[in-house]
Amino acid sequence: MTKAFVSGCAGPTLTSSEIDFFQQEDPWGLILFARNIETPEQVRILTSAFRETVGRSDAPVLVDQEGGRVQRLKPPHWPKYPAPKAYGDLYDRDAAAGQRVAWLAGRLIADDLYKVGITVDCLPCLDVRFPETVDAIGDRALSQDPEVVAILGKAMAEGALAGGVLPVIKHIPGHGRARVDSHFELPRVNAAISSLESVDFRPFKAFSHVSLGMTAHIVYEGIDPNTAGTQSAKVIQEIIRGEIGFDGCLMSDDISMKALGGSFEDRSGKIIEAGCDIVLHCNGDMDEMIAVAKVVPELSGEARRRCETALSGFQVPDPEFDRLAAFDEFHSLTGWQGV
C-alpha cells in the first residue's frame, strides 16, 4: 500500500538498498535533484526504474525546474531558462507578452521533463516579492504585485499542463516576507493577518482549484506563533484549507531543511498530524528515509482522494507542438540568450 511521502535517491541510478526500500515502503513519488541527473537517457532509465520498482506506471516523479537559480536539468543537455522575475518584468512593459512568455516557459520546460519521464514540476512559485524578501526566494518570485503573480503563475501552470506535466503551487500560504533562508533557519513573519490576506494569500486563492501545492516552513506569528506553517494545524486547516480554499494534495516543503527541528520521525509525524497529505524528503539519505517511512501512514481517506485526483489531471501533450517555433517566439519576446 502506497505511503504518504515523496523520497529522494542518492545518485543517477537506484542502488540495491534503494530498490529494496522503495519496494518495501512504496513512497507515493520520487523527487530528483542535480545529483540524480546526467543525460536524458540516464534520467529516462532512472524514472522508469522507480516506477517499475514501486509497480505503478503513474507514480509521480518530481523536480524543481523553475529557471534561473532553481534548475536541476541543465546545459548542455537541457536549455537554461531565465528566473521567473524576467516574466514579471516583461509583463510590466507589455502585459500580453509577459503572459505569453510565462506560458511558453511552462510549456517548454514541460517538454524537457515529459521526454525523460518527469511528470510533476514544483512550479509556479506564487510568493509575492517584497523589498525584504530573502535571496532564497528573490528572483524566483514573479512580481511584487499579487495580481501579476496570479496571472503569470496561471500562465506557467497552464503551459506545464499542456506539456503533460503537473504543476505544484508553492509556498502556501506565502514565503515572500521571509527575511532568512528556511534551508538554514526558521523564518518568522509578524505581518497582520489582514495584510497577509490582502497580498500574500491572493495568488494562492486564485489557484485554489489546482491539484498540487507545497507548504512554507515559516512561522506566521499572527496565526500560530509557535509552529512552522508546515506543521501547524491552524495554518493548514484555517488558512490553507479554509481562507485560501485549497483542496488539492498538500505536500510539505523539504523536511531536510534546517527550518524544522527535531528528529525526522518527529518532523514527519507533526506534518501529517497538522493536515499535510504528503511528506517531502529530498536529500536521499537512507537513514532519514527509513525514519520518515516509519512514521508516515498509508495513503487513505481524503489524502488518497486528493492524490488520485491530482494524478487524474495529466494531459497528453499535443503531438503537433512545434518546439523550435516555441523557442523562436520565446527568444523574440524575451531577448533571452540562455536558451
C-alpha atoms as a PDB file:
ATOM      1  CA  MET A   1       0.000   0.000   0.000  1.00  0.00           C
ATOM      2  CA  THR A   2       1.410   3.379  -1.039  1.00  0.00           C
ATOM      3  CA  LYS A   3       2.686   5.568   1.787  1.00  0.00           C
ATOM      4  CA  ALA A   4       2.233   9.309   2.216  1.00  0.00           C
ATOM      5  CA  PHE A   5       5.698  10.524   1.313  1.00  0.00           C
ATOM      6  CA  VAL A   6       7.902  11.513  -1.598  1.00  0.00           C
ATOM      7  CA  SER A   7      11.501  10.404  -1.380  1.00  0.00           C
ATOM      8  CA  GLY A   8      14.785  11.327  -2.992  1.00  0.00           C
ATOM      9  CA  CYS A   9      17.567   8.997  -4.048  1.00  0.00           C
ATOM     10  CA  ALA A  10      21.318   9.348  -3.730  1.00  0.00           C
ATOM     11  CA  GLY A  11      22.639   9.275  -7.278  1.00  0.00           C
ATOM     12  CA  PRO A  12      21.941   8.818 -11.006  1.00  0.00           C
ATOM     13  CA  THR A  13      20.874   5.171 -10.628  1.00  0.00           C
ATOM     14  CA  LEU A  14      18.934   3.327  -7.950  1.00  0.00           C
ATOM     15  CA  THR A  15      21.107   1.297  -5.597  1.00  0.00           C
ATOM     16  CA  SER A  16      20.094  -2.158  -4.455  1.00  0.00           C
ATOM     17  CA  SER A  17      19.285  -0.784  -0.987  1.00  0.00           C
ATOM     18  CA  GLU A  18      17.097   1.938  -2.520  1.00  0.00           C
ATOM     19  CA  ILE A  19      15.265  -0.615  -4.641  1.00  0.00           C
ATOM     20  CA  ASP A  20      14.615  -2.748  -1.549  1.00  0.00           C
ATOM     21  CA  PHE A  21      13.452   0.322   0.381  1.00  0.00           C
ATOM     22  CA  PHE A  22      11.114   1.539  -2.366  1.00  0.00           C
ATOM     23  CA  GLN A  23       9.637  -1.932  -2.832  1.00  0.00           C
ATOM     24  CA  GLN A  24       9.005  -2.304   0.875  1.00  0.00           C
ATOM     25  CA  GLU A  25       7.828   1.231   1.730  1.00  0.00           C
ATOM     26  CA  ASP A  26       6.230   2.273  -1.598  1.00  0.00           C
ATOM     27  CA  PRO A  27       6.531   6.079  -1.445  1.00  0.00           C
ATOM     28  CA  TRP A  28       3.926   7.971  -3.454  1.00  0.00           C
ATOM     29  CA  GLY A  29       6.634   9.570  -5.585  1.00  0.00           C
ATOM     30  CA  LEU A  30      10.294  10.297  -6.222  1.00  0.00           C
ATOM     31  CA  ILE A  31      11.950  13.734  -6.416  1.00  0.00           C
ATOM     32  CA  LEU A  32      15.103  14.355  -8.429  1.00  0.00           C
ATOM     33  CA  PHE A  33      17.927  16.841  -7.902  1.00  0.00           C
ATOM     34  CA  ALA A  34      21.070  17.733  -9.836  1.00  0.00           C
ATOM     35  CA  ARG A  35      22.906  14.803  -8.244  1.00  0.00           C
ATOM     36  CA  ASN A  36      20.462  12.462  -9.967  1.00  0.00           C
ATOM     37  CA  ILE A  37      20.703  13.994 -13.422  1.00  0.00           C
ATOM     38  CA  GLU A  38      23.383  13.418 -16.059  1.00  0.00           C
ATOM     39  CA  THR A  39      21.910  12.796 -19.507  1.00  0.00           C
ATOM     40  CA  PRO A  40      18.410  12.452 -20.977  1.00  0.00           C
ATOM     41  CA  GLU A  41      18.788   8.701 -21.464  1.00  0.00           C
ATOM     42  CA  GLN A  42      20.070   8.228 -17.905  1.00  0.00           C
ATOM     43  CA  VAL A  43      17.099  10.167 -16.476  1.00  0.00           C
ATOM     44  CA  ARG A  44      14.661   8.135 -18.575  1.00  0.00           C
ATOM     45  CA  ILE A  45      16.178   4.936 -17.190  1.00  0.00           C
ATOM     46  CA  LEU A  46      16.022   6.264 -13.618  1.00  0.00           C
ATOM     47  CA  THR A  47      12.373   7.366 -13.790  1.00  0.00           C
ATOM     48  CA  SER A  48      11.387   4.053 -15.402  1.00  0.00           C
ATOM     49  CA  ALA A  49      13.321   2.112 -12.782  1.00  0.00           C
ATOM     50  CA  PHE A  50      11.499   3.867  -9.957  1.00  0.00           C
ATOM     51  CA  ARG A  51       8.082   3.162 -11.462  1.00  0.00           C
ATOM     52  CA  GLU A  52       8.986  -0.451 -12.104  1.00  0.00           C
ATOM     53  CA  THR A  53      10.236  -0.792  -8.532  1.00  0.00           C
ATOM     54  CA  VAL A  54       7.029   0.506  -6.930  1.00  0.00           C
ATOM     55  CA  GLY A  55       4.823  -1.203  -9.517  1.00  0.00           C
ATOM     56  CA  ARG A  56       2.879   1.911 -10.506  1.00  0.00           C
ATOM     57  CA  SER A  57       3.218   3.231 -14.046  1.00  0.00           C
ATOM     58  CA  ASP A  58       1.721   6.567 -12.967  1.00  0.00           C
ATOM     59  CA  ALA A  59       3.910   7.026  -9.874  1.00  0.00           C
ATOM     60  CA  PRO A  60       4.829  10.732  -9.912  1.00  0.00           C
ATOM     61  CA  VAL A  61       8.426  11.797 -10.436  1.00  0.00           C
ATOM     62  CA  LEU A  62       9.010  15.379  -9.312  1.00  0.00           C
ATOM     63  CA  VAL A  63      11.666  18.024  -9.878  1.00  0.00           C
ATOM     64  CA  ASP A  64      12.252  21.723  -9.174  1.00  0.00           C
ATOM     65  CA  GLN A  65      12.713  23.193 -12.635  1.00  0.00           C
ATOM     66  CA  GLU A  66      11.826  26.880 -12.456  1.00  0.00           C
ATOM     67  CA  GLY A  67      14.657  28.537 -14.380  1.00  0.00           C
ATOM     68  CA  GLY A  68      17.297  30.869 -13.003  1.00  0.00           C
ATOM     69  CA  ARG A  69      18.987  29.527  -9.884  1.00  0.00           C
ATOM     70  CA  VAL A  70      16.498  26.698  -9.447  1.00  0.00           C
ATOM     71  CA  GLN A  71      17.083  24.408 -12.400  1.00  0.00           C
ATOM     72  CA  ARG A  72      18.079  20.776 -11.905  1.00  0.00           C
ATOM     73  CA  LEU A  73      18.244  19.813 -15.603  1.00  0.00           C
ATOM     74  CA  LYS A  74      20.997  21.982 -17.034  1.00  0.00           C
ATOM     75  CA  PRO A  75      23.061  22.615 -20.154  1.00  0.00           C
ATOM     76  CA  PRO A  76      24.498  21.101 -22.232  1.00  0.00           C
ATOM     77  CA  HIS A  77      21.662  18.585 -22.397  1.00  0.00           C
ATOM     78  CA  TRP A  78      18.859  20.981 -21.483  1.00  0.00           C
ATOM     79  CA  PRO A  79      18.295  24.687 -22.105  1.00  0.00           C
ATOM     80  CA  LYS A  80      18.937  27.358 -19.498  1.00  0.00           C
ATOM     81  CA  TYR A  81      15.833  29.397 -18.677  1.00  0.00           C
ATOM     82  CA  PRO A  82      15.641  32.828 -17.042  1.00  0.00           C
ATOM     83  CA  ALA A  83      14.471  33.285 -13.475  1.00  0.00           C
ATOM     84  CA  PRO A  84      10.691  33.828 -13.270  1.00  0.00           C
ATOM     85  CA  LYS A  85      11.154  37.508 -12.341  1.00  0.00           C
ATOM     86  CA  ALA A  86      12.012  38.099 -16.004  1.00  0.00           C
ATOM     87  CA  TYR A  87       8.414  37.328 -16.966  1.00  0.00           C
ATOM     88  CA  GLY A  88       7.097  39.800 -14.413  1.00  0.00           C
ATOM     89  CA  ASP A  89       9.495  42.471 -15.654  1.00  0.00           C
ATOM     90  CA  LEU A  90       8.311  41.891 -19.218  1.00  0.00           C
ATOM     91  CA  TYR A  91       4.676  41.980 -18.079  1.00  0.00           C
ATOM     92  CA  ASP A  92       5.264  45.432 -16.591  1.00  0.00           C
ATOM     93  CA  ARG A  93       6.327  46.619 -20.063  1.00  0.00           C
ATOM     94  CA  ASP A  94       3.904  44.563 -22.139  1.00  0.00           C
ATOM     95  CA  ALA A  95       1.219  42.556 -20.338  1.00  0.00           C
ATOM     96  CA  ALA A  96       0.315  40.338 -23.298  1.00  0.00           C
ATOM     97  CA  ALA A  97       3.958  39.498 -23.989  1.00  0.00           C
ATOM     98  CA  GLY A  98       4.565  38.729 -20.306  1.00  0.00           C
ATOM     99  CA  GLN A  99       1.669  36.306 -20.183  1.00  0.00           C
ATOM    100  CA  ARG A 100       2.734  34.651 -23.397  1.00  0.00           C
ATOM    101  CA  VAL A 101       6.347  34.039 -22.348  1.00  0.00           C
ATOM    102  CA  ALA A 102       5.203  32.695 -18.971  1.00  0.00           C
ATOM    103  CA  TRP A 103       3.039  30.165 -20.820  1.00  0.00           C
ATOM    104  CA  LEU A 104       5.857  29.357 -23.237  1.00  0.00           C
ATOM    105  CA  ALA A 105       8.284  28.852 -20.349  1.00  0.00           C
ATOM    106  CA  GLY A 106       5.917  26.398 -18.679  1.00  0.00           C
ATOM    107  CA  ARG A 107       5.300  24.595 -21.963  1.00  0.00           C
ATOM    108  CA  LEU A 108       8.971  24.352 -22.980  1.00  0.00           C
ATOM    109  CA  ILE A 109      10.125  23.214 -19.545  1.00  0.00           C
ATOM    110  CA  ALA A 110       7.365  20.601 -19.508  1.00  0.00           C
ATOM    111  CA  ASP A 111       8.555  19.358 -22.892  1.00  0.00           C
ATOM    112  CA  ASP A 112      12.040  18.852 -21.442  1.00  0.00           C
ATOM    113  CA  LEU A 113      10.655  16.957 -18.445  1.00  0.00           C
ATOM    114  CA  TYR A 114       7.993  14.860 -20.141  1.00  0.00           C
ATOM    115  CA  LYS A 115      10.532  13.374 -22.549  1.00  0.00           C
ATOM    116  CA  VAL A 116      12.547  11.909 -19.653  1.00  0.00           C
ATOM    117  CA  GLY A 117       9.642  10.667 -17.547  1.00  0.00           C
ATOM    118  CA  ILE A 118       9.376  13.551 -15.058  1.00  0.00           C
ATOM    119  CA  THR A 119       5.688  14.237 -14.572  1.00  0.00           C
ATOM    120  CA  VAL A 120       5.497  16.863 -11.802  1.00  0.00           C
ATOM    121  CA  ASP A 121       7.291  20.228 -11.706  1.00  0.00           C
ATOM    122  CA  CYS A 122       7.373  22.226  -8.491  1.00  0.00           C
ATOM    123  CA  LEU A 123       6.378  25.493 -10.132  1.00  0.00           C
ATOM    124  CA  PRO A 124       4.977  28.137 -10.194  1.00  0.00           C
ATOM    125  CA  CYS A 125       6.378  29.964  -7.203  1.00  0.00           C
ATOM    126  CA  LEU A 126       3.426  32.151  -6.164  1.00  0.00           C
ATOM    127  CA  ASP A 127       5.283  34.020  -3.442  1.00  0.00           C
ATOM    128  CA  VAL A 128       4.923  37.799  -3.696  1.00  0.00           C
ATOM    129  CA  ARG A 129       8.219  39.663  -3.702  1.00  0.00           C
ATOM    130  CA  PHE A 130       8.852  42.351  -1.072  1.00  0.00           C
ATOM    131  CA  PRO A 131      11.834  44.669  -0.573  1.00  0.00           C
ATOM    132  CA  GLU A 132      12.916  42.446   2.329  1.00  0.00           C
ATOM    133  CA  THR A 133      12.407  39.112   0.529  1.00  0.00           C
ATOM    134  CA  VAL A 134      15.296  36.765   1.238  1.00  0.00           C
ATOM    135  CA  ASP A 135      17.516  35.854  -1.722  1.00  0.00           C
ATOM    136  CA  ALA A 136      16.439  32.209  -1.390  1.00  0.00           C
ATOM    137  CA  ILE A 137      13.178  33.415  -2.981  1.00  0.00           C
ATOM    138  CA  GLY A 138      14.297  36.654  -4.634  1.00  0.00           C
ATOM    139  CA  ASP A 139      14.042  36.442  -8.423  1.00  0.00           C
ATOM    140  CA  ARG A 140      12.068  33.214  -8.163  1.00  0.00           C
ATOM    141  CA  ALA A 141       9.078  35.446  -7.363  1.00  0.00           C
ATOM    142  CA  LEU A 142       7.261  36.561 -10.492  1.00  0.00           C
ATOM    143  CA  SER A 143       6.364  40.021  -9.224  1.00  0.00           C
ATOM    144  CA  GLN A 144       5.810  42.319  -6.269  1.00  0.00           C
ATOM    145  CA  ASP A 145       2.171  42.667  -7.389  1.00  0.00           C
ATOM    146  CA  PRO A 146      -0.036  39.772  -6.212  1.00  0.00           C
ATOM    147  CA  GLU A 147      -2.367  40.166  -9.169  1.00  0.00           C
ATOM    148  CA  VAL A 148       0.539  39.857 -11.613  1.00  0.00           C
ATOM    149  CA  VAL A 149       1.859  36.840  -9.696  1.00  0.00           C
ATOM    150  CA  ALA A 150      -1.539  35.181 -10.099  1.00  0.00           C
ATOM    151  CA  ILE A 151      -1.812  35.980 -13.815  1.00  0.00           C
ATOM    152  CA  LEU A 152       1.686  34.804 -14.694  1.00  0.00           C
ATOM    153  CA  GLY A 153       1.558  31.827 -12.341  1.00  0.00           C
ATOM    154  CA  LYS A 154      -1.629  30.709 -14.077  1.00  0.00           C
ATOM    155  CA  ALA A 155       0.063  31.028 -17.463  1.00  0.00           C
ATOM    156  CA  MET A 156       3.085  28.981 -16.355  1.00  0.00           C
ATOM    157  CA  ALA A 157       0.865  26.317 -14.804  1.00  0.00           C
ATOM    158  CA  GLU A 158      -1.282  26.060 -17.929  1.00  0.00           C
ATOM    159  CA  GLY A 159       1.833  25.758 -20.076  1.00  0.00           C
ATOM    160  CA  ALA A 160       3.123  22.941 -17.892  1.00  0.00           C
ATOM    161  CA  LEU A 161      -0.211  21.115 -18.011  1.00  0.00           C
ATOM    162  CA  ALA A 162      -0.332  21.434 -21.795  1.00  0.00           C
ATOM    163  CA  GLY A 163       3.085  19.774 -21.876  1.00  0.00           C
ATOM    164  CA  GLY A 164       1.968  16.752 -19.855  1.00  0.00           C
ATOM    165  CA  VAL A 165       3.415  17.878 -16.517  1.00  0.00           C
ATOM    166  CA  LEU A 166       1.522  18.682 -13.307  1.00  0.00           C
ATOM    167  CA  PRO A 167       2.411  21.992 -11.608  1.00  0.00           C
ATOM    168  CA  VAL A 168       2.811  22.447  -7.850  1.00  0.00           C
ATOM    169  CA  ILE A 169       1.929  25.864  -6.447  1.00  0.00           C
ATOM    170  CA  LYS A 170       4.295  26.998  -3.717  1.00  0.00           C
ATOM    171  CA  HIS A 171       4.918  28.019  -0.981  1.00  0.00           C
ATOM    172  CA  ILE A 172       1.445  28.149   0.571  1.00  0.00           C
ATOM    173  CA  PRO A 173       0.378  30.452   2.229  1.00  0.00           C
ATOM    174  CA  GLY A 174       3.279  32.699   1.112  1.00  0.00           C
ATOM    175  CA  HIS A 175       7.054  32.858   1.529  1.00  0.00           C
ATOM    176  CA  GLY A 176       7.710  36.371   0.247  1.00  0.00           C
ATOM    177  CA  ARG A 177       8.007  38.111   3.616  1.00  0.00           C
ATOM    178  CA  ALA A 178      10.689  35.732   4.894  1.00  0.00           C
ATOM    179  CA  ARG A 179      13.931  37.530   5.746  1.00  0.00           C
ATOM    180  CA  VAL A 180      16.018  34.395   6.346  1.00  0.00           C
ATOM    181  CA  ASP A 181      16.571  31.254   4.293  1.00  0.00           C
ATOM    182  CA  SER A 182      14.461  28.328   5.534  1.00  0.00           C
ATOM    183  CA  HIS A 183      17.121  25.938   4.256  1.00  0.00           C
ATOM    184  CA  PHE A 184      19.207  27.083   7.237  1.00  0.00           C
ATOM    185  CA  GLU A 185      16.877  28.632   9.837  1.00  0.00           C
ATOM    186  CA  LEU A 186      13.204  29.127  10.602  1.00  0.00           C
ATOM    187  CA  PRO A 187      11.773  32.405   9.252  1.00  0.00           C
ATOM    188  CA  ARG A 188       9.218  34.320  11.296  1.00  0.00           C
ATOM    189  CA  VAL A 189       6.678  36.684   9.754  1.00  0.00           C
ATOM    190  CA  ASN A 190       4.905  39.134  12.021  1.00  0.00           C
ATOM    191  CA  ALA A 191       2.580  40.766   9.477  1.00  0.00           C
ATOM    192  CA  ALA A 192      -1.056  41.159  10.462  1.00  0.00           C
ATOM    193  CA  ILE A 193      -3.474  38.601   9.079  1.00  0.00           C
ATOM    194  CA  SER A 194      -5.249  41.391   7.193  1.00  0.00           C
ATOM    195  CA  SER A 195      -2.005  42.222   5.361  1.00  0.00           C
ATOM    196  CA  LEU A 196      -1.379  38.569   4.560  1.00  0.00           C
ATOM    197  CA  GLU A 197      -4.918  38.212   3.232  1.00  0.00           C
ATOM    198  CA  SER A 198      -4.687  41.313   1.038  1.00  0.00           C
ATOM    199  CA  VAL A 199      -1.312  40.429  -0.514  1.00  0.00           C
ATOM    200  CA  ASP A 200       0.344  37.072   0.237  1.00  0.00           C
ATOM    201  CA  PHE A 201      -2.720  34.833   0.101  1.00  0.00           C
ATOM    202  CA  ARG A 202      -4.188  36.360  -3.069  1.00  0.00           C
ATOM    203  CA  PRO A 203      -2.248  34.388  -5.708  1.00  0.00           C
ATOM    204  CA  PHE A 204      -2.997  31.151  -3.853  1.00  0.00           C
ATOM    205  CA  LYS A 205      -6.700  31.957  -3.604  1.00  0.00           C
ATOM    206  CA  ALA A 206      -6.679  32.416  -7.372  1.00  0.00           C
ATOM    207  CA  PHE A 207      -5.247  28.873  -7.596  1.00  0.00           C
ATOM    208  CA  SER A 208      -7.414  27.135  -5.032  1.00  0.00           C
ATOM    209  CA  HIS A 209      -8.627  24.742  -7.753  1.00  0.00           C
ATOM    210  CA  VAL A 210      -5.126  23.426  -8.574  1.00  0.00           C
ATOM    211  CA  SER A 211      -4.466  19.826  -7.549  1.00  0.00           C
ATOM    212  CA  LEU A 212      -0.955  20.068  -6.019  1.00  0.00           C
ATOM    213  CA  GLY A 213       0.525  22.533  -3.544  1.00  0.00           C
ATOM    214  CA  MET A 214       3.559  22.858  -1.264  1.00  0.00           C
ATOM    215  CA  THR A 215       3.719  24.452   2.180  1.00  0.00           C
ATOM    216  CA  ALA A 216       6.130  27.032   3.590  1.00  0.00           C
ATOM    217  CA  HIS A 217       8.432  26.399   6.561  1.00  0.00           C
ATOM    218  CA  ILE A 218       7.566  29.757   8.144  1.00  0.00           C
ATOM    219  CA  VAL A 219       6.087  30.831  11.471  1.00  0.00           C
ATOM    220  CA  TYR A 220       3.210  33.244  10.865  1.00  0.00           C
ATOM    221  CA  GLU A 221       3.075  34.927  14.225  1.00  0.00           C
ATOM    222  CA  GLY A 222      -0.406  36.343  13.740  1.00  0.00           C
ATOM    223  CA  ILE A 223      -1.812  32.870  13.024  1.00  0.00           C
ATOM    224  CA  ASP A 224       0.274  30.389  15.044  1.00  0.00           C
ATOM    225  CA  PRO A 225       3.241  31.981  16.823  1.00  0.00           C
ATOM    226  CA  ASN A 226       4.704  28.685  17.988  1.00  0.00           C
ATOM    227  CA  THR A 227       4.748  26.406  14.950  1.00  0.00           C
ATOM    228  CA  ALA A 228       6.010  26.490  11.366  1.00  0.00           C
ATOM    229  CA  GLY A 229       3.178  26.565   8.855  1.00  0.00           C
ATOM    230  CA  THR A 230       4.117  23.126   7.532  1.00  0.00           C
ATOM    231  CA  GLN A 231       3.431  21.635  10.986  1.00  0.00           C
ATOM    232  CA  SER A 232       0.623  23.954  12.097  1.00  0.00           C
ATOM    233  CA  ALA A 233      -2.933  22.606  12.062  1.00  0.00           C
ATOM    234  CA  LYS A 234      -4.140  26.188  12.381  1.00  0.00           C
ATOM    235  CA  VAL A 235      -2.258  27.344   9.285  1.00  0.00           C
ATOM    236  CA  ILE A 236      -3.256  24.290   7.262  1.00  0.00           C
ATOM    237  CA  GLN A 237      -6.869  23.911   8.351  1.00  0.00           C
ATOM    238  CA  GLU A 238      -7.921  27.530   8.910  1.00  0.00           C
ATOM    239  CA  ILE A 239      -5.803  29.298   6.302  1.00  0.00           C
ATOM    240  CA  ILE A 240      -4.777  26.907   3.523  1.00  0.00           C
ATOM    241  CA  ARG A 241      -7.918  24.764   3.515  1.00  0.00           C
ATOM    242  CA  GLY A 242     -10.238  27.441   4.869  1.00  0.00           C
ATOM    243  CA  GLU A 243      -9.369  31.027   3.940  1.00  0.00           C
ATOM    244  CA  ILE A 244      -7.481  30.145   0.752  1.00  0.00           C
ATOM    245  CA  GLY A 245      -9.812  27.252  -0.091  1.00  0.00           C
ATOM    246  CA  PHE A 246      -7.138  24.880  -1.385  1.00  0.00           C
ATOM    247  CA  ASP A 247      -8.484  21.313  -1.556  1.00  0.00           C
ATOM    248  CA  GLY A 248      -5.672  19.751  -3.576  1.00  0.00           C
ATOM    249  CA  CYS A 249      -2.927  17.405  -2.469  1.00  0.00           C
ATOM    250  CA  LEU A 250      -0.819  19.358   0.015  1.00  0.00           C
ATOM    251  CA  MET A 251       2.807  18.327   0.409  1.00  0.00           C
ATOM    252  CA  SER A 252       5.338  19.720   2.825  1.00  0.00           C
ATOM    253  CA  ASP A 253       8.374  21.611   1.689  1.00  0.00           C
ATOM    254  CA  ASP A 254      11.514  19.508   2.064  1.00  0.00           C
ATOM    255  CA  ILE A 255      11.804  18.302   5.654  1.00  0.00           C
ATOM    256  CA  SER A 256      15.584  18.011   5.293  1.00  0.00           C
ATOM    257  CA  MET A 257      15.733  21.809   5.564  1.00  0.00           C
ATOM    258  CA  LYS A 258      17.067  23.154   8.843  1.00  0.00           C
ATOM    259  CA  ALA A 259      13.993  25.319   9.477  1.00  0.00           C
ATOM    260  CA  LEU A 260      12.371  22.296  11.098  1.00  0.00           C
ATOM    261  CA  GLY A 261      13.884  20.892  14.278  1.00  0.00           C
ATOM    262  CA  GLY A 262      13.587  17.520  15.949  1.00  0.00           C
ATOM    263  CA  SER A 263      14.133  14.006  14.665  1.00  0.00           C
ATOM    264  CA  PHE A 264      12.838  13.011  11.261  1.00  0.00           C
ATOM    265  CA  GLU A 265      10.218  10.843  12.915  1.00  0.00           C
ATOM    266  CA  ASP A 266       9.087  13.875  14.911  1.00  0.00           C
ATOM    267  CA  ARG A 267       9.098  16.189  11.896  1.00  0.00           C
ATOM    268  CA  SER A 268       7.107  13.747   9.782  1.00  0.00           C
ATOM    269  CA  GLY A 269       4.571  12.947  12.470  1.00  0.00           C
ATOM    270  CA  LYS A 270       3.820  16.617  13.128  1.00  0.00           C
ATOM    271  CA  ILE A 271       3.406  17.324   9.413  1.00  0.00           C
ATOM    272  CA  ILE A 272       0.872  14.540   8.932  1.00  0.00           C
ATOM    273  CA  GLU A 273      -0.924  15.390  12.173  1.00  0.00           C
ATOM    274  CA  ALA A 274      -1.267  19.024  11.094  1.00  0.00           C
ATOM    275  CA  GLY A 275      -3.037  18.018   7.903  1.00  0.00           C
ATOM    276  CA  CYS A 276      -0.470  17.680   5.117  1.00  0.00           C
ATOM    277  CA  ASP A 277      -1.207  14.819   2.752  1.00  0.00           C
ATOM    278  CA  ILE A 278       2.399  14.106   1.717  1.00  0.00           C
ATOM    279  CA  VAL A 279       5.769  14.453   3.479  1.00  0.00           C
ATOM    280  CA  LEU A 280       8.533  15.558   1.114  1.00  0.00           C
ATOM    281  CA  HIS A 281      12.027  14.287   1.934  1.00  0.00           C
ATOM    282  CA  CYS A 282      14.614  15.180  -0.674  1.00  0.00           C
ATOM    283  CA  ASN A 283      18.258  14.538   0.211  1.00  0.00           C
ATOM    284  CA  GLY A 284      18.452  10.780  -0.445  1.00  0.00           C
ATOM    285  CA  ASP A 285      19.920   9.955   2.983  1.00  0.00           C
ATOM    286  CA  MET A 286      18.814   6.376   3.617  1.00  0.00           C
ATOM    287  CA  ASP A 287      18.763   6.607   7.420  1.00  0.00           C
ATOM    288  CA  GLU A 288      16.493   9.652   7.215  1.00  0.00           C
ATOM    289  CA  MET A 289      14.316   7.988   4.566  1.00  0.00           C
ATOM    290  CA  ILE A 290      13.818   4.991   6.844  1.00  0.00           C
ATOM    291  CA  ALA A 291      12.888   7.294   9.730  1.00  0.00           C
ATOM    292  CA  VAL A 292      10.287   9.073   7.593  1.00  0.00           C
ATOM    293  CA  ALA A 293       8.810   5.812   6.315  1.00  0.00           C
ATOM    294  CA  LYS A 294       8.385   4.526   9.879  1.00  0.00           C
ATOM    295  CA  VAL A 295       6.035   7.372  10.751  1.00  0.00           C
ATOM    296  CA  VAL A 296       4.036   8.309   7.670  1.00  0.00           C
ATOM    297  CA  PRO A 297       0.759   6.434   7.165  1.00  0.00           C
ATOM    298  CA  GLU A 298      -0.523   4.598   4.159  1.00  0.00           C
ATOM    299  CA  LEU A 299      -2.445   6.889   1.836  1.00  0.00           C
ATOM    300  CA  SER A 300      -6.125   6.663   2.688  1.00  0.00           C
ATOM    301  CA  GLY A 301      -9.251   8.750   3.038  1.00  0.00           C
ATOM    302  CA  GLU A 302      -9.116  12.371   1.904  1.00  0.00           C
ATOM    303  CA  ALA A 303      -5.355  12.290   1.373  1.00  0.00           C
ATOM    304  CA  ARG A 304      -5.682   9.375  -1.017  1.00  0.00           C
ATOM    305  CA  ARG A 305      -8.579  11.063  -2.824  1.00  0.00           C
ATOM    306  CA  ARG A 306      -6.557  14.249  -3.293  1.00  0.00           C
ATOM    307  CA  CYS A 307      -3.538  12.336  -4.603  1.00  0.00           C
ATOM    308  CA  GLU A 308      -5.667  10.332  -7.018  1.00  0.00           C
ATOM    309  CA  THR A 309      -7.414  13.488  -8.197  1.00  0.00           C
ATOM    310  CA  ALA A 310      -4.044  15.115  -8.839  1.00  0.00           C
ATOM    311  CA  LEU A 311      -2.803  12.199 -10.946  1.00  0.00           C
ATOM    312  CA  SER A 312      -6.051  12.130 -12.916  1.00  0.00           C
ATOM    313  CA  GLY A 313      -5.221  15.644 -14.151  1.00  0.00           C
ATOM    314  CA  PHE A 314      -2.439  14.598 -16.527  1.00  0.00           C
ATOM    315  CA  GLN A 315      -2.921  15.794 -20.084  1.00  0.00           C
ATOM    316  CA  VAL A 316      -1.366  14.150 -23.131  1.00  0.00           C
ATOM    317  CA  PRO A 317       0.777  16.768 -24.896  1.00  0.00           C
ATOM    318  CA  ASP A 318      -0.262  17.884 -28.357  1.00  0.00           C
ATOM    319  CA  PRO A 319       1.885  15.811 -30.749  1.00  0.00           C
ATOM    320  CA  GLU A 320       1.837  18.768 -33.146  1.00  0.00           C
ATOM    321  CA  PHE A 321       3.645  21.052 -30.665  1.00  0.00           C
ATOM    322  CA  ASP A 322       6.416  22.832 -32.591  1.00  0.00           C
ATOM    323  CA  ARG A 323       9.266  23.168 -30.114  1.00  0.00           C
ATOM    324  CA  LEU A 324      11.536  25.120 -32.424  1.00  0.00           C
ATOM    325  CA  ALA A 325       8.816  27.650 -33.198  1.00  0.00           C
ATOM    326  CA  ALA A 326       8.063  27.991 -29.491  1.00  0.00           C
ATOM    327  CA  PHE A 327      11.757  28.614 -28.766  1.00  0.00           C
ATOM    328  CA  ASP A 328      11.935  31.211 -31.513  1.00  0.00           C
ATOM    329  CA  GLU A 329       8.917  33.020 -30.106  1.00  0.00           C
ATOM    330  CA  PHE A 330      10.339  32.843 -26.582  1.00  0.00           C
ATOM    331  CA  HIS A 331      13.622  34.333 -27.853  1.00  0.00           C
ATOM    332  CA  SER A 332      11.945  37.104 -29.766  1.00  0.00           C
ATOM    333  CA  LEU A 333       9.765  38.174 -26.841  1.00  0.00           C
ATOM    334  CA  THR A 334      12.407  37.998 -24.136  1.00  0.00           C
ATOM    335  CA  GLY A 335      15.723  38.576 -25.881  1.00  0.00           C
ATOM    336  CA  TRP A 336      16.976  35.771 -23.646  1.00  0.00           C
ATOM    337  CA  GLN A 337      20.212  34.251 -24.893  1.00  0.00           C
ATOM    338  CA  GLY A 338      20.452  31.364 -22.436  1.00  0.00           C
ATOM    339  CA  VAL A 339      18.082  29.017 -24.242  1.00  0.00           C
END
